[in-house]
Amino acid sequence: IAVSGSGPAYFFYLLEAMVEAGQAEGLDRETATMLAVATCGGAA
């Protein structure tokens, strides 16, 4: 449960941070989200 059952929530938590950081550096939310999602999926 700690690793996989609740795990998707941890991933989305990280994704939120990546998107917020991208926006803080000037990216629009759509672009930041697209890059973050593709990066996490590609890394996995």
PDB file of all heavy atoms in Angstrom:
ATOM      1  N   ILE A   1       0.835  -1.196   0.000  1.00  0.00           N
ATOM      2  CA  ILE A   1       0.000   0.000   0.000  1.00  0.00           C
ATOM      3  C   ILE A   1       0.875   1.253   0.000  1.00  0.00           C
ATOM      4  O   ILE A   1       0.604   2.224  -0.714  1.00  0.00           O
ATOM      5  CB  ILE A   1      -0.952  -0.008   1.205  1.00  0.00           C
ATOM      6  CG1 ILE A   1      -2.007  -1.107   1.024  1.00  0.00           C
ATOM      7  CG2 ILE A   1      -1.632   1.350   1.390  1.00  0.00           C
ATOM      8  CD1 ILE A   1      -2.871  -1.353   2.243  1.00  0.00           C
ATOM      9  N   ALA A   2       1.956   1.231   0.795  1.00  0.00           N
ATOM     10  CA  ALA A   2       2.845   2.385   0.880  1.00  0.00           C
ATOM     11  C   ALA A   2       3.562   2.664  -0.432  1.00  0.00           C
ATOM     12  O   ALA A   2       3.782   3.818  -0.799  1.00  0.00           O
ATOM     13  CB  ALA A   2       3.870   2.169   1.993  1.00  0.00           C
ATOM     14  N   VAL A   3       3.918   1.602  -1.160  1.00  0.00           N
ATOM     15  CA  VAL A   3       4.685   1.779  -2.390  1.00  0.00           C
ATOM     16  C   VAL A   3       3.797   1.989  -3.616  1.00  0.00           C
ATOM     17  O   VAL A   3       3.962   2.960  -4.362  1.00  0.00           O
ATOM     18  CB  VAL A   3       5.616   0.567  -2.619  1.00  0.00           C
ATOM     19  CG1 VAL A   3       6.308   0.672  -3.982  1.00  0.00           C
ATOM     20  CG2 VAL A   3       6.650   0.480  -1.507  1.00  0.00           C
ATOM     21  N   SER A   4       2.847   1.077  -3.830  1.00  0.00           N
ATOM     22  CA  SER A   4       2.056   1.157  -5.066  1.00  0.00           C
ATOM     23  C   SER A   4       0.607   1.546  -4.860  1.00  0.00           C
ATOM     24  O   SER A   4       0.028   2.243  -5.689  1.00  0.00           O
ATOM     25  CB  SER A   4       2.127  -0.173  -5.823  1.00  0.00           C
ATOM     26  OG  SER A   4       1.570  -1.225  -5.051  1.00  0.00           O
ATOM     27  N   GLY A   5       0.003   1.087  -3.748  1.00  0.00           N
ATOM     28  CA  GLY A   5      -1.403   1.420  -3.536  1.00  0.00           C
ATOM     29  C   GLY A   5      -1.630   2.918  -3.468  1.00  0.00           C
ATOM     30  O   GLY A   5      -2.490   3.475  -4.153  1.00  0.00           O
ATOM     31  N   SER A   6      -0.831   3.596  -2.640  1.00  0.00           N
ATOM     32  CA  SER A   6      -0.912   5.050  -2.526  1.00  0.00           C
ATOM     33  C   SER A   6       0.077   5.753  -3.442  1.00  0.00           C
ATOM     34  O   SER A   6       0.063   6.983  -3.548  1.00  0.00           O
ATOM     35  CB  SER A   6      -0.643   5.475  -1.071  1.00  0.00           C
ATOM     36  OG  SER A   6      -1.628   4.957  -0.202  1.00  0.00           O
ATOM     37  N   GLY A   7       0.941   4.982  -4.075  1.00  0.00           N
ATOM     38  CA  GLY A   7       2.008   5.533  -4.900  1.00  0.00           C
ATOM     39  C   GLY A   7       1.599   6.548  -5.952  1.00  0.00           C
ATOM     40  O   GLY A   7       2.295   7.553  -6.148  1.00  0.00           O
ATOM     41  N   PRO A   8       0.481   6.334  -6.670  1.00  0.00           N
ATOM     42  CA  PRO A   8       0.095   7.330  -7.671  1.00  0.00           C
ATOM     43  C   PRO A   8      -0.069   8.738  -7.098  1.00  0.00           C
ATOM     44  O   PRO A   8       0.235   9.725  -7.770  1.00  0.00           O
ATOM     45  CB  PRO A   8      -1.239   6.786  -8.202  1.00  0.00           C
ATOM     46  CG  PRO A   8      -1.095   5.309  -8.054  1.00  0.00           C
ATOM     47  CD  PRO A   8      -0.355   5.118  -6.755  1.00  0.00           C
ATOM     48  N   ALA A   9      -0.503   8.830  -5.835  1.00  0.00           N
ATOM     49  CA  ALA A   9      -0.657  10.155  -5.222  1.00  0.00           C
ATOM     50  C   ALA A   9       0.695  10.843  -5.068  1.00  0.00           C
ATOM     51  O   ALA A   9       0.810  12.061  -5.246  1.00  0.00           O
ATOM     52  CB  ALA A   9      -1.339  10.032  -3.860  1.00  0.00           C
ATOM     53  N   TYR A  10       1.754  10.065  -4.748  1.00  0.00           N
ATOM     54  CA  TYR A  10       3.082  10.660  -4.626  1.00  0.00           C
ATOM     55  C   TYR A  10       3.541  11.211  -5.977  1.00  0.00           C
ATOM     56  O   TYR A  10       4.141  12.280  -6.059  1.00  0.00           O
ATOM     57  CB  TYR A  10       4.118   9.636  -4.147  1.00  0.00           C
ATOM     58  CG  TYR A  10       3.701   8.740  -3.017  1.00  0.00           C
ATOM     59  CD1 TYR A  10       4.201   7.440  -2.928  1.00  0.00           C
ATOM     60  CD2 TYR A  10       2.825   9.155  -2.022  1.00  0.00           C
ATOM     61  CE1 TYR A  10       3.856   6.590  -1.899  1.00  0.00           C
ATOM     62  CE2 TYR A  10       2.462   8.307  -0.976  1.00  0.00           C
ATOM     63  CZ  TYR A  10       2.974   7.026  -0.931  1.00  0.00           C
ATOM     64  OH  TYR A  10       2.620   6.178   0.094  1.00  0.00           O
ATOM     65  N   PHE A  11       3.272  10.435  -7.011  1.00  0.00           N
ATOM     66  CA  PHE A  11       3.653  10.860  -8.353  1.00  0.00           C
ATOM     67  C   PHE A  11       2.948  12.162  -8.733  1.00  0.00           C
ATOM     68  O   PHE A  11       3.579  13.094  -9.242  1.00  0.00           O
ATOM     69  CB  PHE A  11       3.302   9.765  -9.360  1.00  0.00           C
ATOM     70  CG  PHE A  11       3.348  10.222 -10.792  1.00  0.00           C
ATOM     71  CD1 PHE A  11       4.557  10.363 -11.453  1.00  0.00           C
ATOM     72  CD2 PHE A  11       2.180  10.530 -11.474  1.00  0.00           C
ATOM     73  CE1 PHE A  11       4.602  10.803 -12.767  1.00  0.00           C
ATOM     74  CE2 PHE A  11       2.214  10.963 -12.787  1.00  0.00           C
ATOM     75  CZ  PHE A  11       3.426  11.100 -13.443  1.00  0.00           C
ATOM     76  N   PHE A  12       1.651  12.223  -8.464  1.00  0.00           N
ATOM     77  CA  PHE A  12       0.908  13.439  -8.804  1.00  0.00           C
ATOM     78  C   PHE A  12       1.370  14.628  -7.964  1.00  0.00           C
ATOM     79  O   PHE A  12       1.349  15.769  -8.427  1.00  0.00           O
ATOM     80  CB  PHE A  12      -0.596  13.202  -8.632  1.00  0.00           C
ATOM     81  CG  PHE A  12      -1.154  12.152  -9.573  1.00  0.00           C
ATOM     82  CD1 PHE A  12      -1.929  11.111  -9.093  1.00  0.00           C
ATOM     83  CD2 PHE A  12      -0.872  12.203 -10.931  1.00  0.00           C
ATOM     84  CE1 PHE A  12      -2.422  10.143  -9.956  1.00  0.00           C
ATOM     85  CE2 PHE A  12      -1.364  11.239 -11.804  1.00  0.00           C
ATOM     86  CZ  PHE A  12      -2.137  10.205 -11.312  1.00  0.00           C
ATOM     87  N   TYR A  13       1.813  14.350  -6.753  1.00  0.00           N
ATOM     88  CA  TYR A  13       2.353  15.398  -5.878  1.00  0.00           C
ATOM     89  C   TYR A  13       3.627  15.980  -6.510  1.00  0.00           C
ATOM     90  O   TYR A  13       3.813  17.204  -6.569  1.00  0.00           O
ATOM     91  CB  TYR A  13       2.653  14.782  -4.512  1.00  0.00           C
ATOM     92  CG  TYR A  13       2.995  15.749  -3.411  1.00  0.00           C
ATOM     93  CD1 TYR A  13       2.006  16.345  -2.643  1.00  0.00           C
ATOM     94  CD2 TYR A  13       4.320  16.029  -3.097  1.00  0.00           C
ATOM     95  CE1 TYR A  13       2.322  17.207  -1.599  1.00  0.00           C
ATOM     96  CE2 TYR A  13       4.648  16.890  -2.063  1.00  0.00           C
ATOM     97  CZ  TYR A  13       3.646  17.472  -1.311  1.00  0.00           C
ATOM     98  OH  TYR A  13       3.963  18.324  -0.283  1.00  0.00           O
ATOM     99  N   LEU A  14       4.505  15.090  -6.980  1.00  0.00           N
ATOM    100  CA  LEU A  14       5.724  15.534  -7.663  1.00  0.00           C
ATOM    101  C   LEU A  14       5.378  16.288  -8.940  1.00  0.00           C
ATOM    102  O   LEU A  14       5.977  17.324  -9.255  1.00  0.00           O
ATOM    103  CB  LEU A  14       6.611  14.332  -7.992  1.00  0.00           C
ATOM    104  CG  LEU A  14       7.827  14.601  -8.888  1.00  0.00           C
ATOM    105  CD1 LEU A  14       8.795  15.557  -8.208  1.00  0.00           C
ATOM    106  CD2 LEU A  14       8.527  13.287  -9.245  1.00  0.00           C
ATOM    107  N   LEU A  15       4.408  15.771  -9.668  1.00  0.00           N
ATOM    108  CA  LEU A  15       3.996  16.404 -10.915  1.00  0.00           C
ATOM    109  C   LEU A  15       3.492  17.824 -10.663  1.00  0.00           C
ATOM    110  O   LEU A  15       3.787  18.752 -11.441  1.00  0.00           O
ATOM    111  CB  LEU A  15       2.898  15.552 -11.572  1.00  0.00           C
ATOM    112  CG  LEU A  15       2.645  15.745 -13.061  1.00  0.00           C
ATOM    113  CD1 LEU A  15       3.898  15.493 -13.865  1.00  0.00           C
ATOM    114  CD2 LEU A  15       1.533  14.809 -13.515  1.00  0.00           C
ATOM    115  N   GLU A  16       2.719  17.993  -9.598  1.00  0.00           N
ATOM    116  CA  GLU A  16       2.252  19.333  -9.232  1.00  0.00           C
ATOM    117  C   GLU A  16       3.431  20.285  -9.047  1.00  0.00           C
ATOM    118  O   GLU A  16       3.404  21.422  -9.529  1.00  0.00           O
ATOM    119  CB  GLU A  16       1.463  19.279  -7.924  1.00  0.00           C
ATOM    120  CG  GLU A  16       0.082  18.681  -8.002  1.00  0.00           C
ATOM    121  CD  GLU A  16      -0.578  18.680  -6.621  1.00  0.00           C
ATOM    122  OE1 GLU A  16      -0.943  19.776  -6.142  1.00  0.00           O
ATOM    123  OE2 GLU A  16      -0.710  17.606  -6.017  1.00  0.00           O
ATOM    124  N   ALA A  17       4.453  19.811  -8.341  1.00  0.00           N
ATOM    125  CA  ALA A  17       5.618  20.653  -8.069  1.00  0.00           C
ATOM    126  C   ALA A  17       6.360  21.008  -9.350  1.00  0.00           C
ATOM    127  O   ALA A  17       6.806  22.150  -9.523  1.00  0.00           O
ATOM    128  CB  ALA A  17       6.553  19.930  -7.095  1.00  0.00           C
ATOM    129  N   MET A  18       6.505  20.037 -10.245  1.00  0.00           N
ATOM    130  CA  MET A  18       7.207  20.298 -11.506  1.00  0.00           C
ATOM    131  C   MET A  18       6.465  21.333 -12.345  1.00  0.00           C
ATOM    132  O   MET A  18       7.070  22.237 -12.929  1.00  0.00           O
ATOM    133  CB  MET A  18       7.368  18.990 -12.287  1.00  0.00           C
ATOM    134  CG  MET A  18       8.294  17.992 -11.625  1.00  0.00           C
ATOM    135  SD  MET A  18       8.353  16.379 -12.467  1.00  0.00           S
ATOM    136  CE  MET A  18       9.227  16.801 -13.974  1.00  0.00           C
ATOM    137  N   VAL A  19       5.144  21.201 -12.383  1.00  0.00           N
ATOM    138  CA  VAL A  19       4.333  22.154 -13.153  1.00  0.00           C
ATOM    139  C   VAL A  19       4.417  23.549 -12.532  1.00  0.00           C
ATOM    140  O   VAL A  19       4.588  24.552 -13.237  1.00  0.00           O
ATOM    141  CB  VAL A  19       2.868  21.676 -13.229  1.00  0.00           C
ATOM    142  CG1 VAL A  19       1.980  22.753 -13.847  1.00  0.00           C
ATOM    143  CG2 VAL A  19       2.776  20.390 -14.045  1.00  0.00           C
ATOM    144  N   GLU A  20       4.316  23.629 -11.211  1.00  0.00           N
ATOM    145  CA  GLU A  20       4.386  24.926 -10.542  1.00  0.00           C
ATOM    146  C   GLU A  20       5.745  25.593 -10.757  1.00  0.00           C
ATOM    147  O   GLU A  20       5.832  26.810 -10.951  1.00  0.00           O
ATOM    148  CB  GLU A  20       4.108  24.755  -9.048  1.00  0.00           C
ATOM    149  CG  GLU A  20       2.650  24.443  -8.735  1.00  0.00           C
ATOM    150  CD  GLU A  20       2.385  24.255  -7.253  1.00  0.00           C
ATOM    151  OE1 GLU A  20       3.239  24.688  -6.432  1.00  0.00           O
ATOM    152  OE2 GLU A  20       1.344  23.680  -6.902  1.00  0.00           O
ATOM    153  N   ALA A  21       6.818  24.775 -10.738  1.00  0.00           N
ATOM    154  CA  ALA A  21       8.150  25.320 -10.978  1.00  0.00           C
ATOM    155  C   ALA A  21       8.263  25.858 -12.405  1.00  0.00           C
ATOM    156  O   ALA A  21       8.844  26.932 -12.637  1.00  0.00           O
ATOM    157  CB  ALA A  21       9.203  24.252 -10.728  1.00  0.00           C
ATOM    158  N   GLY A  22       7.709  25.097 -13.352  1.00  0.00           N
ATOM    159  CA  GLY A  22       7.740  25.550 -14.747  1.00  0.00           C
ATOM    160  C   GLY A  22       7.005  26.870 -14.929  1.00  0.00           C
ATOM    161  O   GLY A  22       7.476  27.776 -15.630  1.00  0.00           O
ATOM    162  N   GLN A  23       5.873  26.985 -14.282  1.00  0.00           N
ATOM    163  CA  GLN A  23       5.105  28.223 -14.362  1.00  0.00           C
ATOM    164  C   GLN A  23       5.865  29.382 -13.715  1.00  0.00           C
ATOM    165  O   GLN A  23       5.879  30.500 -14.240  1.00  0.00           O
ATOM    166  CB  GLN A  23       3.745  28.048 -13.681  1.00  0.00           C
ATOM    167  CG  GLN A  23       2.771  27.190 -14.461  1.00  0.00           C
ATOM    168  CD  GLN A  23       1.416  27.108 -13.776  1.00  0.00           C
ATOM    169  OE1 GLN A  23       1.250  26.358 -12.804  1.00  0.00           O
ATOM    170  NE2 GLN A  23       0.458  27.873 -14.250  1.00  0.00           N
ATOM    171  N   ALA A  24       6.506  29.094 -12.581  1.00  0.00           N
ATOM    172  CA  ALA A  24       7.263  30.141 -11.893  1.00  0.00           C
ATOM    173  C   ALA A  24       8.417  30.648 -12.743  1.00  0.00           C
ATOM    174  O   ALA A  24       8.837  31.809 -12.618  1.00  0.00           O
ATOM    175  CB  ALA A  24       7.795  29.607 -10.558  1.00  0.00           C
ATOM    176  N   GLU A  25       8.914  29.775 -13.640  1.00  0.00           N
ATOM    177  CA  GLU A  25      10.009  30.169 -14.521  1.00  0.00           C
ATOM    178  C   GLU A  25       9.529  30.701 -15.865  1.00  0.00           C
ATOM    179  O   GLU A  25      10.335  30.947 -16.760  1.00  0.00           O
ATOM    180  CB  GLU A  25      10.953  28.980 -14.727  1.00  0.00           C
ATOM    181  CG  GLU A  25      11.748  28.592 -13.497  1.00  0.00           C
ATOM    182  CD  GLU A  25      12.732  29.674 -13.070  1.00  0.00           C
ATOM    183  OE1 GLU A  25      13.217  30.421 -13.948  1.00  0.00           O
ATOM    184  OE2 GLU A  25      13.008  29.773 -11.863  1.00  0.00           O
ATOM    185  N   GLY A  26       8.208  30.855 -16.016  1.00  0.00           N
ATOM    186  CA  GLY A  26       7.690  31.520 -17.202  1.00  0.00           C
ATOM    187  C   GLY A  26       6.905  30.682 -18.182  1.00  0.00           C
ATOM    188  O   GLY A  26       6.323  31.213 -19.127  1.00  0.00           O
ATOM    189  N   LEU A  27       6.856  29.352 -17.994  1.00  0.00           N
ATOM    190  CA  LEU A  27       6.072  28.520 -18.905  1.00  0.00           C
ATOM    191  C   LEU A  27       4.583  28.666 -18.605  1.00  0.00           C
ATOM    192  O   LEU A  27       4.194  28.871 -17.456  1.00  0.00           O
ATOM    193  CB  LEU A  27       6.456  27.046 -18.747  1.00  0.00           C
ATOM    194  CG  LEU A  27       7.867  26.626 -19.182  1.00  0.00           C
ATOM    195  CD1 LEU A  27       8.108  25.173 -18.807  1.00  0.00           C
ATOM    196  CD2 LEU A  27       8.054  26.834 -20.679  1.00  0.00           C
ATOM    197  N   ASP A  28       3.747  28.553 -19.651  1.00  0.00           N
ATOM    198  CA  ASP A  28       2.309  28.504 -19.387  1.00  0.00           C
ATOM    199  C   ASP A  28       1.974  27.123 -18.827  1.00  0.00           C
ATOM    200  O   ASP A  28       2.732  26.159 -18.987  1.00  0.00           O
ATOM    201  CB  ASP A  28       1.506  28.787 -20.658  1.00  0.00           C
ATOM    202  CG  ASP A  28       1.744  27.762 -21.756  1.00  0.00           C
ATOM    203  OD1 ASP A  28       1.153  26.669 -21.687  1.00  0.00           O
ATOM    204  OD2 ASP A  28       2.553  28.043 -22.667  1.00  0.00           O
ATOM    205  N   ARG A  29       0.837  27.023 -18.133  1.00  0.00           N
ATOM    206  CA  ARG A  29       0.505  25.786 -17.416  1.00  0.00           C
ATOM    207  C   ARG A  29       0.390  24.591 -18.364  1.00  0.00           C
ATOM    208  O   ARG A  29       0.840  23.483 -18.038  1.00  0.00           O
ATOM    209  CB  ARG A  29      -0.797  25.955 -16.631  1.00  0.00           C
ATOM    210  CG  ARG A  29      -1.118  24.754 -15.753  1.00  0.00           C
ATOM    211  CD  ARG A  29      -2.244  25.017 -14.766  1.00  0.00           C
ATOM    212  NE  ARG A  29      -2.455  23.883 -13.879  1.00  0.00           N
ATOM    213  CZ  ARG A  29      -1.728  23.632 -12.806  1.00  0.00           C
ATOM    214  NH1 ARG A  29      -0.728  24.444 -12.491  1.00  0.00           N
ATOM    215  NH2 ARG A  29      -1.974  22.583 -12.050  1.00  0.00           N
ATOM    216  N   GLU A  30      -0.207  24.782 -19.522  1.00  0.00           N
ATOM    217  CA  GLU A  30      -0.382  23.673 -20.467  1.00  0.00           C
ATOM    218  C   GLU A  30       0.959  23.112 -20.909  1.00  0.00           C
ATOM    219  O   GLU A  30       1.162  21.892 -20.945  1.00  0.00           O
ATOM    220  CB  GLU A  30      -1.190  24.138 -21.673  1.00  0.00           C
ATOM    221  CG  GLU A  30      -1.457  23.028 -22.675  1.00  0.00           C
ATOM    222  CD  GLU A  30      -2.275  23.489 -23.871  1.00  0.00           C
ATOM    223  OE1 GLU A  30      -2.656  24.685 -23.910  1.00  0.00           O
ATOM    224  OE2 GLU A  30      -2.543  22.657 -24.758  1.00  0.00           O
ATOM    225  N   THR A  31       1.893  24.008 -21.256  1.00  0.00           N
ATOM    226  CA  THR A  31       3.208  23.559 -21.708  1.00  0.00           C
ATOM    227  C   THR A  31       3.974  22.877 -20.575  1.00  0.00           C
ATOM    228  O   THR A  31       4.589  21.827 -20.773  1.00  0.00           O
ATOM    229  CB  THR A  31       4.017  24.744 -22.235  1.00  0.00           C
ATOM    230  OG1 THR A  31       3.319  25.340 -23.342  1.00  0.00           O
ATOM    231  CG2 THR A  31       5.403  24.307 -22.705  1.00  0.00           C
ATOM    232  N   ALA A  32       3.931  23.475 -19.388  1.00  0.00           N
ATOM    233  CA  ALA A  32       4.632  22.895 -18.242  1.00  0.00           C
ATOM    234  C   ALA A  32       4.088  21.508 -17.918  1.00  0.00           C
ATOM    235  O   ALA A  32       4.850  20.578 -17.633  1.00  0.00           O
ATOM    236  CB  ALA A  32       4.497  23.818 -17.031  1.00  0.00           C
ATOM    237  N   THR A  33       2.768  21.362 -17.980  1.00  0.00           N
ATOM    238  CA  THR A  33       2.149  20.066 -17.693  1.00  0.00           C
ATOM    239  C   THR A  33       2.539  19.031 -18.736  1.00  0.00           C
ATOM    240  O   THR A  33       2.883  17.889 -18.408  1.00  0.00           O
ATOM    241  CB  THR A  33       0.620  20.202 -17.645  1.00  0.00           C
ATOM    242  OG1 THR A  33       0.259  21.143 -16.628  1.00  0.00           O
ATOM    243  CG2 THR A  33      -0.040  18.866 -17.345  1.00  0.00           C
ATOM    244  N   MET A  34       2.505  19.415 -20.001  1.00  0.00           N
ATOM    245  CA  MET A  34       2.860  18.492 -21.080  1.00  0.00           C
ATOM    246  C   MET A  34       4.300  18.001 -20.924  1.00  0.00           C
ATOM    247  O   MET A  34       4.587  16.804 -21.034  1.00  0.00           O
ATOM    248  CB  MET A  34       2.695  19.180 -22.438  1.00  0.00           C
ATOM    249  CG  MET A  34       2.945  18.264 -23.629  1.00  0.00           C
ATOM    250  SD  MET A  34       2.785  19.154 -25.205  1.00  0.00           S
ATOM    251  CE  MET A  34       1.103  19.746 -25.081  1.00  0.00           C
ATOM    252  N   LEU A  35       5.220  18.913 -20.629  1.00  0.00           N
ATOM    253  CA  LEU A  35       6.619  18.542 -20.471  1.00  0.00           C
ATOM    254  C   LEU A  35       6.826  17.656 -19.245  1.00  0.00           C
ATOM    255  O   LEU A  35       7.562  16.669 -19.291  1.00  0.00           O
ATOM    256  CB  LEU A  35       7.483  19.801 -20.349  1.00  0.00           C
ATOM    257  CG  LEU A  35       7.636  20.634 -21.627  1.00  0.00           C
ATOM    258  CD1 LEU A  35       8.328  21.965 -21.315  1.00  0.00           C
ATOM    259  CD2 LEU A  35       8.419  19.863 -22.683  1.00  0.00           C
ATOM    260  N   ALA A  36       6.172  17.995 -18.142  1.00  0.00           N
ATOM    261  CA  ALA A  36       6.339  17.229 -16.906  1.00  0.00           C
ATOM    262  C   ALA A  36       5.793  15.817 -17.049  1.00  0.00           C
ATOM    263  O   ALA A  36       6.437  14.841 -16.629  1.00  0.00           O
ATOM    264  CB  ALA A  36       5.651  17.963 -15.755  1.00  0.00           C
ATOM    265  N   VAL A  37       4.610  15.696 -17.629  1.00  0.00           N
ATOM    266  CA  VAL A  37       3.999  14.372 -17.810  1.00  0.00           C
ATOM    267  C   VAL A  37       4.854  13.502 -18.721  1.00  0.00           C
ATOM    268  O   VAL A  37       5.123  12.329 -18.422  1.00  0.00           O
ATOM    269  CB  VAL A  37       2.570  14.503 -18.360  1.00  0.00           C
ATOM    270  CG1 VAL A  37       2.022  13.134 -18.761  1.00  0.00           C
ATOM    271  CG2 VAL A  37       1.646  15.145 -17.333  1.00  0.00           C
ATOM    272  N   ALA A  38       5.296  14.071 -19.850  1.00  0.00           N
ATOM    273  CA  ALA A  38       6.114  13.308 -20.788  1.00  0.00           C
ATOM    274  C   ALA A  38       7.443  12.901 -20.156  1.00  0.00           C
ATOM    275  O   ALA A  38       7.942  11.786 -20.371  1.00  0.00           O
ATOM    276  CB  ALA A  38       6.361  14.133 -22.048  1.00  0.00           C
ATOM    277  N   THR A  39       8.003  13.779 -19.356  1.00  0.00           N
ATOM    278  CA  THR A  39       9.281  13.491 -18.711  1.00  0.00           C
ATOM    279  C   THR A  39       9.154  12.369 -17.692  1.00  0.00           C
ATOM    280  O   THR A  39       9.966  11.434 -17.659  1.00  0.00           O
ATOM    281  CB  THR A  39       9.826  14.758 -18.022  1.00  0.00           C
ATOM    282  OG1 THR A  39      10.054  15.764 -19.015  1.00  0.00           O
ATOM    283  CG2 THR A  39      11.130  14.468 -17.294  1.00  0.00           C
ATOM    284  N   CYS A  40       8.130  12.431 -16.849  1.00  0.00           N
ATOM    285  CA  CYS A  40       7.925  11.381 -15.842  1.00  0.00           C
ATOM    286  C   CYS A  40       7.618  10.041 -16.494  1.00  0.00           C
ATOM    287  O   CYS A  40       8.170   9.003 -16.103  1.00  0.00           O
ATOM    288  CB  CYS A  40       6.792  11.788 -14.895  1.00  0.00           C
ATOM    289  SG  CYS A  40       7.217  13.149 -13.785  1.00  0.00           S
ATOM    290  N   GLY A  41       6.742  10.067 -17.500  1.00  0.00           N
ATOM    291  CA  GLY A  41       6.408   8.830 -18.200  1.00  0.00           C
ATOM    292  C   GLY A  41       7.616   8.244 -18.910  1.00  0.00           C
ATOM    293  O   GLY A  41       7.851   7.028 -18.887  1.00  0.00           O
ATOM    294  N   GLY A  42       8.412   9.107 -19.536  1.00  0.00           N
ATOM    295  CA  GLY A  42       9.596   8.647 -20.247  1.00  0.00           C
ATOM    296  C   GLY A  42      10.650   8.089 -19.308  1.00  0.00           C
ATOM    297  O   GLY A  42      11.302   7.075 -19.605  1.00  0.00           O
ATOM    298  N   ALA A  43      10.821   8.733 -18.162  1.00  0.00           N
ATOM    299  CA  ALA A  43      11.804   8.263 -17.187  1.00  0.00           C
ATOM    300  C   ALA A  43      11.414   6.886 -16.649  1.00  0.00           C
ATOM    301  O   ALA A  43      12.263   5.998 -16.491  1.00  0.00           O
ATOM    302  CB  ALA A  43      11.919   9.269 -16.047  1.00  0.00           C
ATOM    303  N   ALA A  44      10.125   6.694 -16.362  1.00  0.00           N
ATOM    304  CA  ALA A  44       9.653   5.400 -15.873  1.00  0.00           C
ATOM    305  C   ALA A  44       9.855   4.318 -16.937  1.00  0.00           C
ATOM    306  O   ALA A  44      10.276   3.193 -16.636  1.00  0.00           O
ATOM    307  CB  ALA A  44       8.186   5.492 -15.481  1.00  0.00           C
TER     308      ALA A  44
END
